[in-house]
Amino acid sequence: MTPIVAPATDNPSDSGDGLLLPVPDEDGAPFWEYAARGELRIQACADCGALRFPPRPCCPHCRSFTACWQRMSGRGRIWSYVVPHPPLLPAYAAQPGYNAIVVELAESPRIRLVGNLVTAADAPLNSVDPARLRIGAPVKAAFHTMPGGVTVPRWLLERP
């Protein structure tokens, strides 16, 4: 997969001021470091190979404390979605009709990530008409660098 990474400065209409940003912790820091490089990687147990998300120090399957980060294809399907009405935070009120989706990864459907469905990595959060949201719709990851430097995965429809 060719990574799509767009800096926030490319999209003045989506300044990111007041938007919720992830706060990486020690276990999840590699996820965000890989995202900054345009890679979607999920933590895996180095002993039994089980994928786990969110990242944590111990494998829930075999109790091993060894881990590695496996590169994913960046493809998945919409498992669930919501279009918040009304937006609860002021920064989101400027983008009515935005969505929040839950994506199950193609490699491991039990691994699910939350994000937004957009028309391009740097598009506004409300760039997809809510009527186009469908459970099961195929999506692919794109990456957007927010103000402050954190890069977040966003999602694009596979068949626009």
Protein backbone atom coordinates (compact mmCIF):
# COMPACT_ATOMS: atom_id res chain seq x y z
CA MET A 1 0.00 0.00 0.00
CA THR A 2 1.33 3.43 -0.89
CA PRO A 3 0.95 5.59 2.21
CA ILE A 4 -1.08 8.75 1.94
CA VAL A 5 0.17 11.32 4.44
CA ALA A 6 -1.06 14.88 4.27
CA PRO A 7 0.18 17.65 6.56
CA ALA A 8 -2.42 19.75 8.34
CA THR A 9 -0.96 22.89 6.78
CA ASP A 10 -2.33 21.71 3.41
CA ASN A 11 -5.88 22.14 4.64
CA PRO A 12 -6.60 25.53 6.17
CA SER A 13 -10.33 24.70 6.44
CA ASP A 14 -9.45 21.88 8.87
CA SER A 15 -7.13 23.73 11.25
CA GLY A 16 -7.60 21.18 14.00
CA ASP A 17 -7.95 23.85 16.67
CA GLY A 18 -9.96 22.33 19.49
CA LEU A 19 -10.24 18.88 17.90
CA LEU A 20 -9.56 15.90 20.13
CA LEU A 21 -6.07 14.50 19.61
CA PRO A 22 -4.60 11.21 20.79
CA VAL A 23 -2.26 11.23 23.76
CA PRO A 24 0.29 8.48 23.11
CA ASP A 25 1.37 6.40 26.07
CA GLU A 26 4.41 4.15 26.36
CA ASP A 27 2.63 1.05 25.00
CA GLY A 28 0.98 2.87 22.09
CA ALA A 29 3.83 5.23 21.11
CA PRO A 30 5.07 2.94 18.28
CA PHE A 31 1.58 2.98 16.69
CA TRP A 32 1.80 6.78 16.36
CA GLU A 33 5.43 6.70 15.22
CA TYR A 34 4.53 4.31 12.40
CA ALA A 35 1.45 6.41 11.52
CA ALA A 36 3.72 9.45 11.13
CA ARG A 37 5.58 7.43 8.46
CA GLY A 38 2.32 6.52 6.71
CA GLU A 39 2.26 2.94 8.00
CA LEU A 40 -0.58 1.18 9.77
CA ARG A 41 0.99 -1.28 12.20
CA ILE A 42 -0.64 -3.30 14.95
CA GLN A 43 1.08 -4.74 17.99
CA ALA A 44 1.53 -8.52 17.88
CA CYS A 45 2.82 -11.03 20.38
CA ALA A 46 6.33 -12.06 19.40
CA ASP A 47 5.72 -15.52 20.92
CA CYS A 48 2.24 -16.63 19.79
CA GLY A 49 1.69 -14.09 16.96
CA ALA A 50 -1.71 -12.86 18.21
CA LEU A 51 -2.53 -9.31 17.15
CA ARG A 52 -3.72 -6.97 19.90
CA PHE A 53 -5.23 -3.51 19.94
CA PRO A 54 -5.17 -1.32 21.87
CA PRO A 55 -1.46 -1.92 22.55
CA ARG A 56 -0.57 -3.27 25.98
CA PRO A 57 2.47 -4.79 27.66
CA CYS A 58 1.20 -8.37 28.00
CA CYS A 59 -0.37 -10.77 25.50
CA PRO A 60 -3.89 -11.68 26.65
CA HIS A 61 -3.56 -15.09 24.97
CA CYS A 62 -0.22 -16.49 26.14
CA ARG A 63 0.82 -13.86 28.75
CA SER A 64 4.10 -13.11 27.01
CA PHE A 65 5.70 -9.70 27.49
CA THR A 66 7.45 -9.75 24.09
CA ALA A 67 5.89 -7.82 21.24
CA CYS A 68 6.54 -6.66 17.69
CA TRP A 69 4.65 -4.39 15.32
CA GLN A 70 3.17 -5.97 12.17
CA ARG A 71 2.44 -3.90 9.11
CA MET A 72 -1.18 -4.11 7.98
CA SER A 73 -2.50 -3.55 4.47
CA GLY A 74 -4.48 -0.53 5.62
CA ARG A 75 -7.66 -2.06 4.28
CA GLY A 76 -10.81 -2.90 6.18
CA ARG A 77 -14.57 -2.53 6.33
CA ILE A 78 -16.84 -0.14 8.17
CA TRP A 79 -18.08 -2.08 11.20
CA SER A 80 -20.13 0.77 12.69
CA TYR A 81 -20.55 4.52 12.38
CA VAL A 82 -22.26 7.54 13.90
CA VAL A 83 -23.00 11.07 12.73
CA PRO A 84 -23.13 13.10 15.97
CA HIS A 85 -26.11 15.46 16.38
CA PRO A 86 -25.46 18.04 17.71
CA PRO A 87 -21.67 18.24 17.98
CA LEU A 88 -20.72 18.35 21.64
CA LEU A 89 -17.49 20.35 21.28
CA PRO A 90 -17.23 23.78 19.62
CA ALA A 91 -14.47 22.76 17.19
CA TYR A 92 -16.71 20.05 15.76
CA ALA A 93 -19.73 22.37 15.43
CA ALA A 94 -17.90 24.08 12.55
CA GLN A 95 -18.06 20.79 10.61
CA PRO A 96 -21.70 19.65 10.83
CA GLY A 97 -22.42 16.28 9.32
CA TYR A 98 -19.02 14.79 10.18
CA ASN A 99 -18.81 11.10 10.97
CA ALA A 100 -16.98 8.78 13.32
CA ILE A 101 -16.51 5.24 12.06
CA VAL A 102 -15.26 1.96 13.47
CA VAL A 103 -13.20 -0.05 10.97
CA GLU A 104 -12.50 -3.77 11.25
CA LEU A 105 -9.14 -4.58 9.68
CA ALA A 106 -9.00 -6.98 6.73
CA GLU A 107 -6.18 -9.02 8.32
CA SER A 108 -7.98 -9.40 11.64
CA PRO A 109 -11.66 -8.36 11.85
CA ARG A 110 -11.55 -8.46 15.64
CA ILE A 111 -9.06 -5.56 15.53
CA ARG A 112 -11.10 -2.37 15.18
CA LEU A 113 -9.93 1.21 14.85
CA VAL A 114 -11.93 4.42 15.24
CA GLY A 115 -11.53 7.31 12.83
CA ASN A 116 -13.29 9.41 10.24
CA LEU A 117 -14.34 8.63 6.68
CA VAL A 118 -13.11 11.45 4.42
CA THR A 119 -12.66 12.07 0.69
CA ALA A 120 -8.89 12.69 1.01
CA ALA A 121 -6.37 12.48 3.84
CA ASP A 122 -6.44 16.25 4.34
CA ALA A 123 -10.15 16.79 3.64
CA PRO A 124 -12.48 18.26 6.26
CA LEU A 125 -14.14 15.77 8.58
CA ASN A 126 -17.51 16.44 6.93
CA SER A 127 -16.27 15.83 3.36
CA VAL A 128 -18.29 12.61 2.97
CA ASP A 129 -22.07 12.88 2.70
CA PRO A 130 -23.50 10.90 5.65
CA ALA A 131 -25.90 9.19 3.21
CA ARG A 132 -22.89 7.36 1.71
CA LEU A 133 -22.00 5.62 5.00
CA ARG A 134 -22.71 1.88 4.90
CA ILE A 135 -21.88 -0.95 7.27
CA GLY A 136 -19.51 -3.29 5.43
CA ALA A 137 -18.24 -0.66 2.97
CA PRO A 138 -14.59 -1.33 2.06
CA VAL A 139 -12.14 1.36 3.16
CA LYS A 140 -8.41 2.03 3.13
CA ALA A 141 -6.24 4.00 5.52
CA ALA A 142 -4.87 7.45 4.79
CA PHE A 143 -2.84 9.52 7.22
CA HIS A 144 -3.27 13.15 8.24
CA THR A 145 -0.82 15.16 10.33
CA MET A 146 -2.72 17.32 12.81
CA PRO A 147 -1.54 20.57 14.38
CA GLY A 148 0.95 19.69 17.06
CA GLY A 149 2.50 17.02 14.86
CA VAL A 150 0.48 13.89 15.67
CA THR A 151 -0.50 11.87 12.58
CA VAL A 152 -3.86 10.11 12.70
CA PRO A 153 -5.32 7.43 10.47
CA ARG A 154 -8.36 8.48 8.49
CA TRP A 155 -10.32 6.32 6.08
CA LEU A 156 -11.18 6.56 2.38
CA LEU A 157 -13.84 4.56 0.56
CA GLU A 158 -12.26 1.90 -1.66
CA ARG A 159 -14.88 2.46 -4.36
CA PRO A 160 -15.78 6.17 -4.31
